[in-house]
Amino acid sequence: MATIYDIAKKAGVSVATVSRVLNGVDHPVKEETRQKIIDAAKELGYRPNKIAKSLAHRRTYTVALLIPALPIIFIPRLRR
């Protein structure tokens, strides 16, 4: 799996620039550089790591559902 480090190396830019482009941060980046990064990401098959992103942002967007133990209902067996 490709990382932003791989994309930065292939595009010849810094990791910070790759991060800004892929995260859509409003930061001045030349259109040529932006396109190089996007092309490198597609070529390498980059997919963001959701677990890493949730750790960095300290937010998982996960909802937990707790259900109390349900009583066991005994169904009598039918006699043959």
N, C-alpha and C. Protein backbone atom coordinates (compact mmCIF):
# COMPACT_ATOMS: atom_id res chain seq x y z
N MET A 1 0.84 -1.17 0.00
CA MET A 1 0.00 0.00 0.00
C MET A 1 0.89 1.24 0.00
N ALA A 2 0.58 2.16 -0.87
CA ALA A 2 1.37 3.38 -1.00
C ALA A 2 1.09 4.35 0.15
N THR A 3 2.13 5.09 0.53
CA THR A 3 2.00 6.09 1.58
C THR A 3 2.27 7.47 0.99
N ILE A 4 2.05 8.51 1.78
CA ILE A 4 2.33 9.85 1.29
C ILE A 4 3.83 10.04 1.08
N TYR A 5 4.64 9.24 1.78
CA TYR A 5 6.09 9.30 1.58
C TYR A 5 6.46 8.79 0.19
N ASP A 6 5.78 7.74 -0.25
CA ASP A 6 6.02 7.20 -1.59
C ASP A 6 5.60 8.20 -2.66
N ILE A 7 4.48 8.85 -2.44
CA ILE A 7 3.97 9.84 -3.39
C ILE A 7 4.92 11.02 -3.47
N ALA A 8 5.41 11.49 -2.31
CA ALA A 8 6.33 12.62 -2.27
C ALA A 8 7.61 12.30 -3.04
N LYS A 9 8.12 11.10 -2.86
CA LYS A 9 9.35 10.69 -3.55
C LYS A 9 9.12 10.65 -5.06
N LYS A 10 8.00 10.06 -5.48
CA LYS A 10 7.71 9.94 -6.91
C LYS A 10 7.46 11.30 -7.56
N ALA A 11 6.77 12.20 -6.85
CA ALA A 11 6.44 13.51 -7.41
C ALA A 11 7.58 14.52 -7.23
N GLY A 12 8.54 14.19 -6.37
CA GLY A 12 9.66 15.10 -6.14
C GLY A 12 9.30 16.33 -5.32
N VAL A 13 8.41 16.13 -4.36
CA VAL A 13 7.98 17.23 -3.49
C VAL A 13 8.08 16.78 -2.04
N SER A 14 7.79 17.68 -1.12
CA SER A 14 7.86 17.33 0.30
C SER A 14 6.60 16.58 0.73
N VAL A 15 6.72 15.86 1.83
CA VAL A 15 5.59 15.13 2.38
C VAL A 15 4.50 16.11 2.81
N ALA A 16 4.88 17.25 3.32
CA ALA A 16 3.91 18.26 3.75
C ALA A 16 3.07 18.75 2.56
N THR A 17 3.71 18.93 1.41
CA THR A 17 2.98 19.38 0.23
C THR A 17 1.99 18.30 -0.22
N VAL A 18 2.42 17.05 -0.19
CA VAL A 18 1.52 15.95 -0.55
C VAL A 18 0.33 15.93 0.39
N SER A 19 0.58 16.06 1.67
CA SER A 19 -0.48 16.06 2.66
C SER A 19 -1.47 17.19 2.42
N ARG A 20 -0.97 18.37 2.14
CA ARG A 20 -1.84 19.52 1.89
C ARG A 20 -2.73 19.29 0.67
N VAL A 21 -2.14 18.75 -0.39
CA VAL A 21 -2.91 18.54 -1.62
C VAL A 21 -3.96 17.46 -1.41
N LEU A 22 -3.57 16.33 -0.82
CA LEU A 22 -4.51 15.22 -0.66
C LEU A 22 -5.61 15.51 0.35
N ASN A 23 -5.32 16.36 1.33
CA ASN A 23 -6.34 16.71 2.33
C ASN A 23 -7.15 17.93 1.94
N GLY A 24 -6.83 18.54 0.80
CA GLY A 24 -7.60 19.68 0.32
C GLY A 24 -7.40 20.95 1.12
N VAL A 25 -6.26 21.07 1.78
CA VAL A 25 -5.97 22.27 2.57
C VAL A 25 -5.78 23.45 1.63
N ASP A 26 -6.39 24.57 1.98
CA ASP A 26 -6.28 25.76 1.15
C ASP A 26 -4.90 26.38 1.37
N HIS A 27 -3.94 25.94 0.58
CA HIS A 27 -2.57 26.39 0.68
C HIS A 27 -2.05 26.59 -0.74
N PRO A 28 -1.31 27.66 -0.97
CA PRO A 28 -0.85 27.91 -2.34
C PRO A 28 0.12 26.84 -2.85
N VAL A 29 -0.36 26.05 -3.81
CA VAL A 29 0.46 25.04 -4.47
C VAL A 29 0.24 25.21 -5.96
N LYS A 30 1.31 25.24 -6.73
CA LYS A 30 1.18 25.39 -8.17
C LYS A 30 0.31 24.27 -8.73
N GLU A 31 -0.48 24.61 -9.73
CA GLU A 31 -1.37 23.63 -10.34
C GLU A 31 -0.58 22.47 -10.93
N GLU A 32 0.59 22.75 -11.49
CA GLU A 32 1.45 21.71 -12.05
C GLU A 32 1.88 20.72 -10.97
N THR A 33 2.26 21.24 -9.82
CA THR A 33 2.68 20.40 -8.70
C THR A 33 1.51 19.59 -8.17
N ARG A 34 0.36 20.24 -8.04
CA ARG A 34 -0.85 19.56 -7.57
C ARG A 34 -1.18 18.38 -8.47
N GLN A 35 -1.10 18.60 -9.79
CA GLN A 35 -1.42 17.54 -10.75
C GLN A 35 -0.40 16.40 -10.67
N LYS A 36 0.88 16.75 -10.47
CA LYS A 36 1.93 15.72 -10.31
C LYS A 36 1.62 14.81 -9.13
N ILE A 37 1.19 15.42 -8.03
CA ILE A 37 0.88 14.66 -6.82
C ILE A 37 -0.33 13.76 -7.03
N ILE A 38 -1.36 14.29 -7.65
CA ILE A 38 -2.57 13.51 -7.90
C ILE A 38 -2.27 12.35 -8.85
N ASP A 39 -1.48 12.61 -9.88
CA ASP A 39 -1.11 11.55 -10.83
C ASP A 39 -0.29 10.45 -10.14
N ALA A 40 0.66 10.86 -9.29
CA ALA A 40 1.49 9.89 -8.57
C ALA A 40 0.63 9.06 -7.62
N ALA A 41 -0.33 9.69 -6.97
CA ALA A 41 -1.21 8.98 -6.04
C ALA A 41 -2.04 7.93 -6.79
N LYS A 42 -2.56 8.31 -7.93
CA LYS A 42 -3.35 7.36 -8.73
C LYS A 42 -2.48 6.22 -9.24
N GLU A 43 -1.31 6.55 -9.72
CA GLU A 43 -0.40 5.53 -10.26
C GLU A 43 0.02 4.53 -9.20
N LEU A 44 0.25 5.01 -7.99
CA LEU A 44 0.69 4.13 -6.90
C LEU A 44 -0.48 3.44 -6.20
N GLY A 45 -1.71 3.81 -6.55
CA GLY A 45 -2.88 3.21 -5.93
C GLY A 45 -3.08 3.64 -4.49
N TYR A 46 -2.80 4.91 -4.21
CA TYR A 46 -2.91 5.43 -2.84
C TYR A 46 -4.35 5.43 -2.36
N ARG A 47 -4.53 4.95 -1.14
CA ARG A 47 -5.81 5.05 -0.45
C ARG A 47 -5.53 5.51 0.97
N PRO A 48 -6.24 6.53 1.45
CA PRO A 48 -5.99 7.03 2.81
C PRO A 48 -6.24 5.95 3.85
N ASN A 49 -5.42 5.93 4.89
CA ASN A 49 -5.56 4.99 5.98
C ASN A 49 -6.49 5.61 7.02
N LYS A 50 -7.70 5.08 7.14
CA LYS A 50 -8.70 5.67 8.04
C LYS A 50 -8.30 5.55 9.50
N ILE A 51 -7.63 4.48 9.86
CA ILE A 51 -7.21 4.30 11.25
C ILE A 51 -6.16 5.35 11.61
N ALA A 52 -5.19 5.56 10.74
CA ALA A 52 -4.15 6.56 11.00
C ALA A 52 -4.76 7.96 11.09
N LYS A 53 -5.71 8.23 10.22
CA LYS A 53 -6.35 9.54 10.23
C LYS A 53 -7.14 9.75 11.52
N SER A 54 -7.84 8.71 11.99
CA SER A 54 -8.61 8.85 13.22
C SER A 54 -7.69 9.04 14.42
N LEU A 55 -6.51 8.42 14.40
CA LEU A 55 -5.55 8.62 15.48
C LEU A 55 -5.01 10.05 15.48
N ALA A 56 -4.71 10.56 14.30
CA ALA A 56 -4.15 11.90 14.20
C ALA A 56 -5.17 12.97 14.61
N HIS A 57 -6.44 12.73 14.28
CA HIS A 57 -7.48 13.72 14.58
C HIS A 57 -8.18 13.46 15.91
N ARG A 58 -7.82 12.33 16.55
CA ARG A 58 -8.43 11.94 17.82
C ARG A 58 -9.94 11.84 17.74
N ARG A 59 -10.41 11.36 16.61
CA ARG A 59 -11.85 11.20 16.40
C ARG A 59 -12.06 10.03 15.45
N THR A 60 -12.91 9.08 15.84
CA THR A 60 -13.09 7.88 15.01
C THR A 60 -14.39 7.88 14.22
N TYR A 61 -15.35 8.70 14.60
CA TYR A 61 -16.66 8.70 13.96
C TYR A 61 -17.29 7.31 14.01
N THR A 62 -17.07 6.64 15.14
CA THR A 62 -17.62 5.31 15.36
C THR A 62 -18.70 5.41 16.42
N VAL A 63 -19.79 4.71 16.20
CA VAL A 63 -20.88 4.69 17.16
C VAL A 63 -20.94 3.30 17.76
N ALA A 64 -20.98 3.25 19.08
CA ALA A 64 -21.08 1.96 19.76
C ALA A 64 -22.51 1.75 20.21
N LEU A 65 -22.96 0.54 20.13
CA LEU A 65 -24.32 0.21 20.55
C LEU A 65 -24.22 -0.91 21.58
N LEU A 66 -24.69 -0.62 22.79
CA LEU A 66 -24.65 -1.61 23.87
C LEU A 66 -26.06 -2.15 24.08
N ILE A 67 -26.18 -3.47 24.04
CA ILE A 67 -27.47 -4.12 24.23
C ILE A 67 -27.34 -5.02 25.45
N PRO A 68 -28.27 -4.87 26.41
CA PRO A 68 -28.19 -5.75 27.58
C PRO A 68 -28.46 -7.19 27.16
N ALA A 69 -27.96 -8.11 27.96
CA ALA A 69 -28.16 -9.53 27.66
C ALA A 69 -29.65 -9.84 27.64
N LEU A 70 -30.08 -10.49 26.60
CA LEU A 70 -31.49 -10.84 26.49
C LEU A 70 -31.75 -12.14 27.25
N PRO A 71 -32.90 -12.23 27.90
CA PRO A 71 -33.19 -13.48 28.62
C PRO A 71 -33.34 -14.63 27.61
N ILE A 72 -32.87 -15.78 28.02
CA ILE A 72 -32.96 -16.95 27.15
C ILE A 72 -34.38 -17.51 27.28
N ILE A 73 -35.01 -17.67 26.16
CA ILE A 73 -36.38 -18.21 26.15
C ILE A 73 -36.28 -19.69 25.80
N PHE A 74 -36.81 -20.51 26.69
CA PHE A 74 -36.77 -21.95 26.45
C PHE A 74 -38.00 -22.34 25.64
N ILE A 75 -37.78 -22.95 24.52
CA ILE A 75 -38.87 -23.43 23.68
C ILE A 75 -38.89 -24.95 23.84
N PRO A 76 -40.01 -25.47 24.27
CA PRO A 76 -40.06 -26.92 24.47
C PRO A 76 -39.86 -27.65 23.13
N ARG A 77 -39.11 -28.73 23.21
CA ARG A 77 -38.86 -29.52 22.00
C ARG A 77 -40.13 -30.29 21.63
N LEU A 78 -40.37 -30.36 20.39
CA LEU A 78 -41.53 -31.12 19.92
C LEU A 78 -41.18 -32.61 19.97
N ARG A 79 -42.12 -33.40 20.47
CA ARG A 79 -41.89 -34.84 20.54
C ARG A 79 -42.21 -35.45 19.19
N ARG A 80 -41.43 -36.43 18.85
CA ARG A 80 -41.65 -37.12 17.58
C ARG A 80 -42.60 -38.24 17.71
